Amino acid sequence: VFMADTSQASALGSAMSIHEHWNMNDVPTLLLNVK
C-alpha cells in the first residue's frame, strides 16, 4: 500500500494505462511521489 502525493493522479493513471497506445516513448520514472 502506497501513499501518493501527485497532482491530477486520476488523469495521470488513466494516461499511463493507455500509454502504449498513444506514445512510443518510455513512461518517465519520476511521475509519482509515493511512500
Full PDB file with SEQRES, HELIX, SHEET, SSBOND, CRYST1, ORIGX, SCALE, CONECT and MASTER records, all heavy atoms in Angstrom:
SEQRES   1 A   35  VAL PHE MET ALA ASP THR SER GLN ALA SER ALA LEU GLY          
SEQRES   2 A   35  SER ALA MET SER ILE HIS GLU HIS TRP ASN MET ASN ASP          
SEQRES   3 A   35  VAL PRO THR LEU LEU LEU ASN VAL LYS                          
HELIX    1 AA1 ALA A    9  SER A   17  1                                   9    
HELIX    2 AA2 HIS A   19  TRP A   22  1                                   4    
CRYST1    1.000    1.000    1.000  90.00  90.00  90.00 P 1           1          
ORIGX1      1.000000  0.000000  0.000000        0.00000                         
ORIGX2      0.000000  1.000000  0.000000        0.00000                         
ORIGX3      0.000000  0.000000  1.000000        0.00000                         
SCALE1      1.000000  0.000000  0.000000        0.00000                         
SCALE2      0.000000  1.000000  0.000000        0.00000                         
SCALE3      0.000000  0.000000  1.000000        0.00000                         
ATOM      1  N   VAL A   1       0.856  -1.183   0.000  1.00  0.00           N  
ATOM      2  CA  VAL A   1       0.000   0.000   0.000  1.00  0.00           C  
ATOM      3  C   VAL A   1       0.894   1.236   0.000  1.00  0.00           C  
ATOM      4  O   VAL A   1       1.799   1.352   0.830  1.00  0.00           O  
ATOM      5  CB  VAL A   1      -0.945   0.001   1.223  1.00  0.00           C  
ATOM      6  CG1 VAL A   1      -1.788   1.264   1.250  1.00  0.00           C  
ATOM      7  CG2 VAL A   1      -1.838  -1.246   1.201  1.00  0.00           C  
ATOM      8  N   PHE A   2       0.627   2.140  -0.933  1.00  0.00           N  
ATOM      9  CA  PHE A   2       1.426   3.350  -1.074  1.00  0.00           C  
ATOM     10  C   PHE A   2       0.561   4.587  -0.923  1.00  0.00           C  
ATOM     11  O   PHE A   2      -0.584   4.621  -1.384  1.00  0.00           O  
ATOM     12  CB  PHE A   2       2.094   3.404  -2.455  1.00  0.00           C  
ATOM     13  CG  PHE A   2       3.135   2.355  -2.675  1.00  0.00           C  
ATOM     14  CD1 PHE A   2       2.799   1.133  -3.229  1.00  0.00           C  
ATOM     15  CD2 PHE A   2       4.458   2.590  -2.337  1.00  0.00           C  
ATOM     16  CE1 PHE A   2       3.755   0.170  -3.448  1.00  0.00           C  
ATOM     17  CE2 PHE A   2       5.423   1.634  -2.550  1.00  0.00           C  
ATOM     18  CZ  PHE A   2       5.067   0.408  -3.107  1.00  0.00           C  
ATOM     19  N   MET A   3       1.132   5.622  -0.302  1.00  0.00           N  
ATOM     20  CA  MET A   3       0.529   6.949  -0.268  1.00  0.00           C  
ATOM     21  C   MET A   3       1.106   7.712  -1.456  1.00  0.00           C  
ATOM     22  O   MET A   3       2.322   7.745  -1.631  1.00  0.00           O  
ATOM     23  CB  MET A   3       0.920   7.683   1.009  1.00  0.00           C  
ATOM     24  CG  MET A   3       0.468   7.014   2.272  1.00  0.00           C  
ATOM     25  SD  MET A   3       0.966   7.928   3.757  1.00  0.00           S  
ATOM     26  CE  MET A   3       2.722   7.587   3.797  1.00  0.00           C  
ATOM     27  N   ALA A   4       0.247   8.297  -2.269  1.00  0.00           N  
ATOM     28  CA  ALA A   4       0.711   9.054  -3.425  1.00  0.00           C  
ATOM     29  C   ALA A   4       0.412  10.527  -3.221  1.00  0.00           C  
ATOM     30  O   ALA A   4      -0.680  10.895  -2.809  1.00  0.00           O  
ATOM     31  CB  ALA A   4       0.025   8.554  -4.691  1.00  0.00           C  
ATOM     32  N   ASP A   5       1.385  11.342  -3.504  1.00  0.00           N  
ATOM     33  CA  ASP A   5       1.215  12.784  -3.420  1.00  0.00           C  
ATOM     34  C   ASP A   5       1.490  13.347  -4.811  1.00  0.00           C  
ATOM     35  O   ASP A   5       2.591  13.773  -5.120  1.00  0.00           O  
ATOM     36  CB  ASP A   5       2.180  13.377  -2.392  1.00  0.00           C  
ATOM     37  CG  ASP A   5       1.981  14.864  -2.207  1.00  0.00           C  
ATOM     38  OD1 ASP A   5       0.893  15.361  -2.556  1.00  0.00           O  
ATOM     39  OD2 ASP A   5       2.912  15.523  -1.721  1.00  0.00           O  
ATOM     40  N   THR A   6       0.472  13.280  -5.662  1.00  0.00           N  
ATOM     41  CA  THR A   6       0.622  13.667  -7.055  1.00  0.00           C  
ATOM     42  C   THR A   6      -0.600  14.451  -7.502  1.00  0.00           C  
ATOM     43  O   THR A   6      -1.726  14.016  -7.285  1.00  0.00           O  
ATOM     44  CB  THR A   6       0.762  12.402  -7.945  1.00  0.00           C  
ATOM     45  OG1 THR A   6       1.861  11.636  -7.481  1.00  0.00           O  
ATOM     46  CG2 THR A   6       0.964  12.760  -9.383  1.00  0.00           C  
ATOM     47  N   SER A   7      -0.373  15.578  -8.126  1.00  0.00           N  
ATOM     48  CA  SER A   7      -1.488  16.353  -8.667  1.00  0.00           C  
ATOM     49  C   SER A   7      -2.101  15.619  -9.846  1.00  0.00           C  
ATOM     50  O   SER A   7      -1.397  14.980 -10.631  1.00  0.00           O  
ATOM     51  CB  SER A   7      -0.994  17.725  -9.138  1.00  0.00           C  
ATOM     52  OG  SER A   7      -0.504  18.458  -8.045  1.00  0.00           O  
ATOM     53  N   GLN A   8      -3.404  15.685  -9.949  1.00  0.00           N  
ATOM     54  CA  GLN A   8      -4.129  15.082 -11.065  1.00  0.00           C  
ATOM     55  C   GLN A   8      -3.819  13.589 -11.218  1.00  0.00           C  
ATOM     56  O   GLN A   8      -3.640  13.069 -12.321  1.00  0.00           O  
ATOM     57  CB  GLN A   8      -3.811  15.826 -12.371  1.00  0.00           C  
ATOM     58  CG  GLN A   8      -4.093  17.304 -12.329  1.00  0.00           C  
ATOM     59  CD  GLN A   8      -5.570  17.598 -12.126  1.00  0.00           C  
ATOM     60  OE1 GLN A   8      -6.423  16.907 -12.653  1.00  0.00           O  
ATOM     61  NE2 GLN A   8      -5.872  18.619 -11.352  1.00  0.00           N  
ATOM     62  N   ALA A   9      -3.766  12.870 -10.092  1.00  0.00           N  
ATOM     63  CA  ALA A   9      -3.375  11.461 -10.102  1.00  0.00           C  
ATOM     64  C   ALA A   9      -4.334  10.596 -10.915  1.00  0.00           C  
ATOM     65  O   ALA A   9      -3.900   9.658 -11.594  1.00  0.00           O  
ATOM     66  CB  ALA A   9      -3.260  10.938  -8.680  1.00  0.00           C  
ATOM     67  N   SER A  10      -5.620  10.877 -10.871  1.00  0.00           N  
ATOM     68  CA  SER A  10      -6.581  10.072 -11.648  1.00  0.00           C  
ATOM     69  C   SER A  10      -6.326  10.222 -13.143  1.00  0.00           C  
ATOM     70  O   SER A  10      -6.329   9.236 -13.882  1.00  0.00           O  
ATOM     71  CB  SER A  10      -8.017  10.485 -11.322  1.00  0.00           C  
ATOM     72  OG  SER A  10      -8.299  10.207  -9.984  1.00  0.00           O  
ATOM     73  N   ALA A  11      -6.111  11.440 -13.585  1.00  0.00           N  
ATOM     74  CA  ALA A  11      -5.827  11.678 -15.005  1.00  0.00           C  
ATOM     75  C   ALA A  11      -4.500  11.036 -15.393  1.00  0.00           C  
ATOM     76  O   ALA A  11      -4.375  10.433 -16.468  1.00  0.00           O  
ATOM     77  CB  ALA A  11      -5.792  13.177 -15.294  1.00  0.00           C  
ATOM     78  N   LEU A  12      -3.516  11.129 -14.518  1.00  0.00           N  
ATOM     79  CA  LEU A  12      -2.214  10.524 -14.790  1.00  0.00           C  
ATOM     80  C   LEU A  12      -2.345   9.005 -14.892  1.00  0.00           C  
ATOM     81  O   LEU A  12      -1.787   8.380 -15.802  1.00  0.00           O  
ATOM     82  CB  LEU A  12      -1.217  10.894 -13.685  1.00  0.00           C  
ATOM     83  CG  LEU A  12       0.172  10.293 -13.799  1.00  0.00           C  
ATOM     84  CD1 LEU A  12       0.844  10.691 -15.106  1.00  0.00           C  
ATOM     85  CD2 LEU A  12       1.011  10.728 -12.610  1.00  0.00           C  
ATOM     86  N   GLY A  13      -3.090   8.388 -13.984  1.00  0.00           N  
ATOM     87  CA  GLY A  13      -3.301   6.946 -14.028  1.00  0.00           C  
ATOM     88  C   GLY A  13      -3.994   6.511 -15.300  1.00  0.00           C  
ATOM     89  O   GLY A  13      -3.629   5.497 -15.912  1.00  0.00           O  
ATOM     90  N   SER A  14      -4.975   7.274 -15.732  1.00  0.00           N  
ATOM     91  CA  SER A  14      -5.675   6.960 -16.977  1.00  0.00           C  
ATOM     92  C   SER A  14      -4.721   7.032 -18.169  1.00  0.00           C  
ATOM     93  O   SER A  14      -4.721   6.147 -19.024  1.00  0.00           O  
ATOM     94  CB  SER A  14      -6.837   7.933 -17.202  1.00  0.00           C  
ATOM     95  OG  SER A  14      -7.796   7.788 -16.195  1.00  0.00           O  
ATOM     96  N   ALA A  15      -3.927   8.075 -18.216  1.00  0.00           N  
ATOM     97  CA  ALA A  15      -2.969   8.225 -19.313  1.00  0.00           C  
ATOM     98  C   ALA A  15      -1.933   7.100 -19.302  1.00  0.00           C  
ATOM     99  O   ALA A  15      -1.572   6.567 -20.355  1.00  0.00           O  
ATOM    100  CB  ALA A  15      -2.275   9.585 -19.222  1.00  0.00           C  
ATOM    101  N   MET A  16      -1.481   6.707 -18.108  1.00  0.00           N  
ATOM    102  CA  MET A  16      -0.491   5.632 -18.017  1.00  0.00           C  
ATOM    103  C   MET A  16      -1.073   4.291 -18.458  1.00  0.00           C  
ATOM    104  O   MET A  16      -0.365   3.473 -19.060  1.00  0.00           O  
ATOM    105  CB  MET A  16       0.054   5.530 -16.592  1.00  0.00           C  
ATOM    106  CG  MET A  16       0.962   6.690 -16.221  1.00  0.00           C  
ATOM    107  SD  MET A  16       1.494   6.642 -14.498  1.00  0.00           S  
ATOM    108  CE  MET A  16       2.515   5.179 -14.490  1.00  0.00           C  
ATOM    109  N   SER A  17      -2.355   4.067 -18.179  1.00  0.00           N  
ATOM    110  CA  SER A  17      -2.963   2.779 -18.527  1.00  0.00           C  
ATOM    111  C   SER A  17      -3.087   2.589 -20.041  1.00  0.00           C  
ATOM    112  O   SER A  17      -3.132   1.461 -20.518  1.00  0.00           O  
ATOM    113  CB  SER A  17      -4.318   2.619 -17.854  1.00  0.00           C  
ATOM    114  OG  SER A  17      -5.256   3.502 -18.413  1.00  0.00           O  
ATOM    115  N   ILE A  18      -3.134   3.677 -20.806  1.00  0.00           N  
ATOM    116  CA  ILE A  18      -3.212   3.561 -22.263  1.00  0.00           C  
ATOM    117  C   ILE A  18      -1.949   4.082 -22.951  1.00  0.00           C  
ATOM    118  O   ILE A  18      -1.925   4.249 -24.166  1.00  0.00           O  
ATOM    119  CB  ILE A  18      -4.460   4.291 -22.803  1.00  0.00           C  
ATOM    120  CG1 ILE A  18      -4.408   5.794 -22.500  1.00  0.00           C  
ATOM    121  CG2 ILE A  18      -5.727   3.666 -22.263  1.00  0.00           C  
ATOM    122  CD1 ILE A  18      -5.441   6.613 -23.239  1.00  0.00           C  
ATOM    123  N   HIS A  19      -0.915   4.305 -22.182  1.00  0.00           N  
ATOM    124  CA  HIS A  19       0.322   4.907 -22.696  1.00  0.00           C  
ATOM    125  C   HIS A  19       0.842   4.236 -23.958  1.00  0.00           C  
ATOM    126  O   HIS A  19       1.174   4.900 -24.933  1.00  0.00           O  
ATOM    127  CB  HIS A  19       1.398   4.892 -21.605  1.00  0.00           C  
ATOM    128  CG  HIS A  19       2.681   5.510 -22.034  1.00  0.00           C  
ATOM    129  ND1 HIS A  19       3.693   4.773 -22.594  1.00  0.00           N  
ATOM    130  CD2 HIS A  19       3.112   6.786 -22.016  1.00  0.00           C  
ATOM    131  CE1 HIS A  19       4.706   5.571 -22.890  1.00  0.00           C  
ATOM    132  NE2 HIS A  19       4.370   6.795 -22.542  1.00  0.00           N  
ATOM    133  N   GLU A  20       0.913   2.928 -23.955  1.00  0.00           N  
ATOM    134  CA  GLU A  20       1.496   2.213 -25.098  1.00  0.00           C  
ATOM    135  C   GLU A  20       0.700   2.395 -26.386  1.00  0.00           C  
ATOM    136  O   GLU A  20       1.212   2.160 -27.468  1.00  0.00           O  
ATOM    137  CB  GLU A  20       1.624   0.732 -24.782  1.00  0.00           C  
ATOM    138  CG  GLU A  20       0.293   0.029 -24.603  1.00  0.00           C  
ATOM    139  CD  GLU A  20       0.439  -1.393 -24.120  1.00  0.00           C  
ATOM    140  OE1 GLU A  20       1.175  -1.629 -23.150  1.00  0.00           O  
ATOM    141  OE2 GLU A  20      -0.206  -2.265 -24.721  1.00  0.00           O  
ATOM    142  N   HIS A  21      -0.532   2.859 -26.284  1.00  0.00           N  
ATOM    143  CA  HIS A  21      -1.381   3.035 -27.455  1.00  0.00           C  
ATOM    144  C   HIS A  21      -1.304   4.430 -28.059  1.00  0.00           C  
ATOM    145  O   HIS A  21      -1.808   4.649 -29.165  1.00  0.00           O  
ATOM    146  CB  HIS A  21      -2.842   2.714 -27.101  1.00  0.00           C  
ATOM    147  CG  HIS A  21      -3.020   1.327 -26.586  1.00  0.00           C  
ATOM    148  ND1 HIS A  21      -2.929   0.220 -27.391  1.00  0.00           N  
ATOM    149  CD2 HIS A  21      -3.234   0.863 -25.329  1.00  0.00           C  
ATOM    150  CE1 HIS A  21      -3.110  -0.871 -26.661  1.00  0.00           C  
ATOM    151  NE2 HIS A  21      -3.296  -0.504 -25.410  1.00  0.00           N  
ATOM    152  N   TRP A  22      -0.694   5.371 -27.349  1.00  0.00           N  
ATOM    153  CA  TRP A  22      -0.644   6.731 -27.882  1.00  0.00           C  
ATOM    154  C   TRP A  22       0.740   7.367 -27.840  1.00  0.00           C  
ATOM    155  O   TRP A  22       0.949   8.428 -28.401  1.00  0.00           O  
ATOM    156  CB  TRP A  22      -1.638   7.642 -27.165  1.00  0.00           C  
ATOM    157  CG  TRP A  22      -1.333   7.888 -25.711  1.00  0.00           C  
ATOM    158  CD1 TRP A  22      -1.714   7.129 -24.661  1.00  0.00           C  
ATOM    159  CD2 TRP A  22      -0.568   8.958 -25.153  1.00  0.00           C  
ATOM    160  NE1 TRP A  22      -1.238   7.642 -23.483  1.00  0.00           N  
ATOM    161  CE2 TRP A  22      -0.527   8.773 -23.755  1.00  0.00           C  
ATOM    162  CE3 TRP A  22       0.097  10.062 -25.694  1.00  0.00           C  
ATOM    163  CZ2 TRP A  22       0.151   9.628 -22.897  1.00  0.00           C  
ATOM    164  CZ3 TRP A  22       0.770  10.922 -24.840  1.00  0.00           C  
ATOM    165  CH2 TRP A  22       0.782  10.705 -23.461  1.00  0.00           C  
ATOM    166  N   ASN A  23       1.702   6.708 -27.193  1.00  0.00           N  
ATOM    167  CA  ASN A  23       3.016   7.320 -27.042  1.00  0.00           C  
ATOM    168  C   ASN A  23       4.085   6.248 -27.175  1.00  0.00           C  
ATOM    169  O   ASN A  23       4.059   5.254 -26.465  1.00  0.00           O  
ATOM    170  CB  ASN A  23       3.106   7.992 -25.673  1.00  0.00           C  
ATOM    171  CG  ASN A  23       4.310   8.878 -25.528  1.00  0.00           C  
ATOM    172  OD1 ASN A  23       5.362   8.620 -26.108  1.00  0.00           O  
ATOM    173  ND2 ASN A  23       4.176   9.923 -24.741  1.00  0.00           N  
ATOM    174  N   MET A  24       5.015   6.443 -28.066  1.00  0.00           N  
ATOM    175  CA  MET A  24       6.065   5.447 -28.297  1.00  0.00           C  
ATOM    176  C   MET A  24       7.241   5.597 -27.333  1.00  0.00           C  
ATOM    177  O   MET A  24       8.109   4.742 -27.261  1.00  0.00           O  
ATOM    178  CB  MET A  24       6.571   5.544 -29.748  1.00  0.00           C  
ATOM    179  CG  MET A  24       5.457   5.380 -30.786  1.00  0.00           C  
ATOM    180  SD  MET A  24       4.324   4.004 -30.452  1.00  0.00           S  
ATOM    181  CE  MET A  24       5.289   2.654 -31.055  1.00  0.00           C  
ATOM    182  N   ASN A  25       7.288   6.684 -26.559  1.00  0.00           N  
ATOM    183  CA  ASN A  25       8.362   6.900 -25.597  1.00  0.00           C  
ATOM    184  C   ASN A  25       8.101   6.108 -24.324  1.00  0.00           C  
ATOM    185  O   ASN A  25       6.967   5.741 -24.006  1.00  0.00           O  
ATOM    186  CB  ASN A  25       8.477   8.386 -25.242  1.00  0.00           C  
ATOM    187  CG  ASN A  25       8.827   9.230 -26.445  1.00  0.00           C  
ATOM    188  OD1 ASN A  25       9.661   8.848 -27.253  1.00  0.00           O  
ATOM    189  ND2 ASN A  25       8.170  10.360 -26.585  1.00  0.00           N  
ATOM    190  N   ASP A  26       9.161   5.850 -23.543  1.00  0.00           N  
ATOM    191  CA  ASP A  26       9.005   5.201 -22.247  1.00  0.00           C  
ATOM    192  C   ASP A  26       8.284   6.142 -21.285  1.00  0.00           C  
ATOM    193  O   ASP A  26       8.375   7.365 -21.407  1.00  0.00           O  
ATOM    194  CB  ASP A  26      10.372   4.849 -21.654  1.00  0.00           C  
ATOM    195  CG  ASP A  26      11.072   3.741 -22.427  1.00  0.00           C  
ATOM    196  OD1 ASP A  26      10.380   2.940 -23.091  1.00  0.00           O  
ATOM    197  OD2 ASP A  26      12.308   3.666 -22.362  1.00  0.00           O  
ATOM    198  N   VAL A  27       7.603   5.557 -20.311  1.00  0.00           N  
ATOM    199  CA  VAL A  27       6.952   6.352 -19.279  1.00  0.00           C  
ATOM    200  C   VAL A  27       8.044   6.943 -18.392  1.00  0.00           C  
ATOM    201  O   VAL A  27       8.925   6.211 -17.926  1.00  0.00           O  
ATOM    202  CB  VAL A  27       6.001   5.486 -18.426  1.00  0.00           C  
ATOM    203  CG1 VAL A  27       5.419   6.290 -17.280  1.00  0.00           C  
ATOM    204  CG2 VAL A  27       4.893   4.902 -19.281  1.00  0.00           C  
ATOM    205  N   PRO A  28       8.047   8.247 -18.163  1.00  0.00           N  
ATOM    206  CA  PRO A  28       9.055   8.838 -17.271  1.00  0.00           C  
ATOM    207  C   PRO A  28       8.997   8.204 -15.880  1.00  0.00           C  
ATOM    208  O   PRO A  28       7.921   7.897 -15.366  1.00  0.00           O  
ATOM    209  CB  PRO A  28       8.654  10.316 -17.211  1.00  0.00           C  
ATOM    210  CG  PRO A  28       7.850  10.544 -18.439  1.00  0.00           C  
ATOM    211  CD  PRO A  28       7.146   9.249 -18.717  1.00  0.00           C  
ATOM    212  N   THR A  29      10.142   8.005 -15.273  1.00  0.00           N  
ATOM    213  CA  THR A  29      10.197   7.302 -13.985  1.00  0.00           C  
ATOM    214  C   THR A  29       9.814   8.169 -12.793  1.00  0.00           C  
ATOM    215  O   THR A  29       9.455   7.643 -11.759  1.00  0.00           O  
ATOM    216  CB  THR A  29      11.600   6.723 -13.752  1.00  0.00           C  
ATOM    217  OG1 THR A  29      12.554   7.786 -13.833  1.00  0.00           O  
ATOM    218  CG2 THR A  29      11.928   5.656 -14.773  1.00  0.00           C  
ATOM    219  N   LEU A  30       9.861   9.471 -12.909  1.00  0.00           N  
ATOM    220  CA  LEU A  30       9.597  10.342 -11.761  1.00  0.00           C  
ATOM    221  C   LEU A  30       8.237  11.030 -11.833  1.00  0.00           C  
ATOM    222  O   LEU A  30       8.105  12.186 -11.473  1.00  0.00           O  
ATOM    223  CB  LEU A  30      10.715  11.378 -11.626  1.00  0.00           C  
ATOM    224  CG  LEU A  30      12.109  10.806 -11.367  1.00  0.00           C  
ATOM    225  CD1 LEU A  30      13.144  11.915 -11.359  1.00  0.00           C  
ATOM    226  CD2 LEU A  30      12.139  10.050 -10.054  1.00  0.00           C  
ATOM    227  N   LEU A  31       7.223  10.310 -12.256  1.00  0.00           N  
ATOM    228  CA  LEU A  31       5.890  10.904 -12.341  1.00  0.00           C  
ATOM    229  C   LEU A  31       5.172  10.943 -11.001  1.00  0.00           C  
ATOM    230  O   LEU A  31       4.362  11.817 -10.753  1.00  0.00           O  
ATOM    231  CB  LEU A  31       5.025  10.115 -13.325  1.00  0.00           C  
ATOM    232  CG  LEU A  31       5.342  10.290 -14.792  1.00  0.00           C  
ATOM    233  CD1 LEU A  31       4.461   9.374 -15.633  1.00  0.00           C  
ATOM    234  CD2 LEU A  31       5.148  11.728 -15.214  1.00  0.00           C  
ATOM    235  N   LEU A  32       5.456   9.985 -10.140  1.00  0.00           N  
ATOM    236  CA  LEU A  32       4.746   9.868  -8.871  1.00  0.00           C  
ATOM    237  C   LEU A  32       5.684  10.064  -7.696  1.00  0.00           C  
ATOM    238  O   LEU A  32       6.811   9.590  -7.696  1.00  0.00           O  
ATOM    239  CB  LEU A  32       4.108   8.483  -8.738  1.00  0.00           C  
ATOM    240  CG  LEU A  32       3.036   8.103  -9.737  1.00  0.00           C  
ATOM    241  CD1 LEU A  32       2.634   6.656  -9.529  1.00  0.00           C  
ATOM    242  CD2 LEU A  32       1.836   9.002  -9.586  1.00  0.00           C  
ATOM    243  N   ASN A  33       5.178  10.734  -6.688  1.00  0.00           N  
ATOM    244  CA  ASN A  33       5.874  10.839  -5.416  1.00  0.00           C  
ATOM    245  C   ASN A  33       5.109   9.939  -4.454  1.00  0.00           C  
ATOM    246  O   ASN A  33       4.000  10.269  -4.046  1.00  0.00           O  
ATOM    247  CB  ASN A  33       5.874  12.292  -4.934  1.00  0.00           C  
ATOM    248  CG  ASN A  33       6.601  12.452  -3.618  1.00  0.00           C  
ATOM    249  OD1 ASN A  33       7.411  11.602  -3.244  1.00  0.00           O  
ATOM    250  ND2 ASN A  33       6.316  13.520  -2.906  1.00  0.00           N  
ATOM    251  N   VAL A  34       5.673   8.769  -4.144  1.00  0.00           N  
ATOM    252  CA  VAL A  34       4.956   7.786  -3.322  1.00  0.00           C  
ATOM    253  C   VAL A  34       5.797   7.359  -2.136  1.00  0.00           C  
ATOM    254  O   VAL A  34       7.018   7.439  -2.152  1.00  0.00           O  
ATOM    255  CB  VAL A  34       4.551   6.538  -4.141  1.00  0.00           C  
ATOM    256  CG1 VAL A  34       3.590   6.895  -5.249  1.00  0.00           C  
ATOM    257  CG2 VAL A  34       5.756   5.823  -4.693  1.00  0.00           C  
ATOM    258  N   LYS A  35       5.095   6.879  -1.107  1.00  0.00           N  
ATOM    259  CA  LYS A  35       5.742   6.355   0.093  1.00  0.00           C  
ATOM    260  C   LYS A  35       4.968   5.123   0.532  1.00  0.00           C  
ATOM    261  O   LYS A  35       3.740   5.182   0.679  1.00  0.00           O  
ATOM    262  CB  LYS A  35       5.744   7.404   1.196  1.00  0.00           C  
ATOM    263  CG  LYS A  35       6.403   6.939   2.476  1.00  0.00           C  
ATOM    264  CD  LYS A  35       6.362   8.028   3.523  1.00  0.00           C  
ATOM    265  CE  LYS A  35       6.981   7.530   4.811  1.00  0.00           C  
ATOM    266  NZ  LYS A  35       6.865   8.511   5.883  1.00  0.00           N  
TER     267      LYS A  35                                                      
MASTER        0    0    0    2    0    0    0    6  266    1    0    3          
END                                                                             
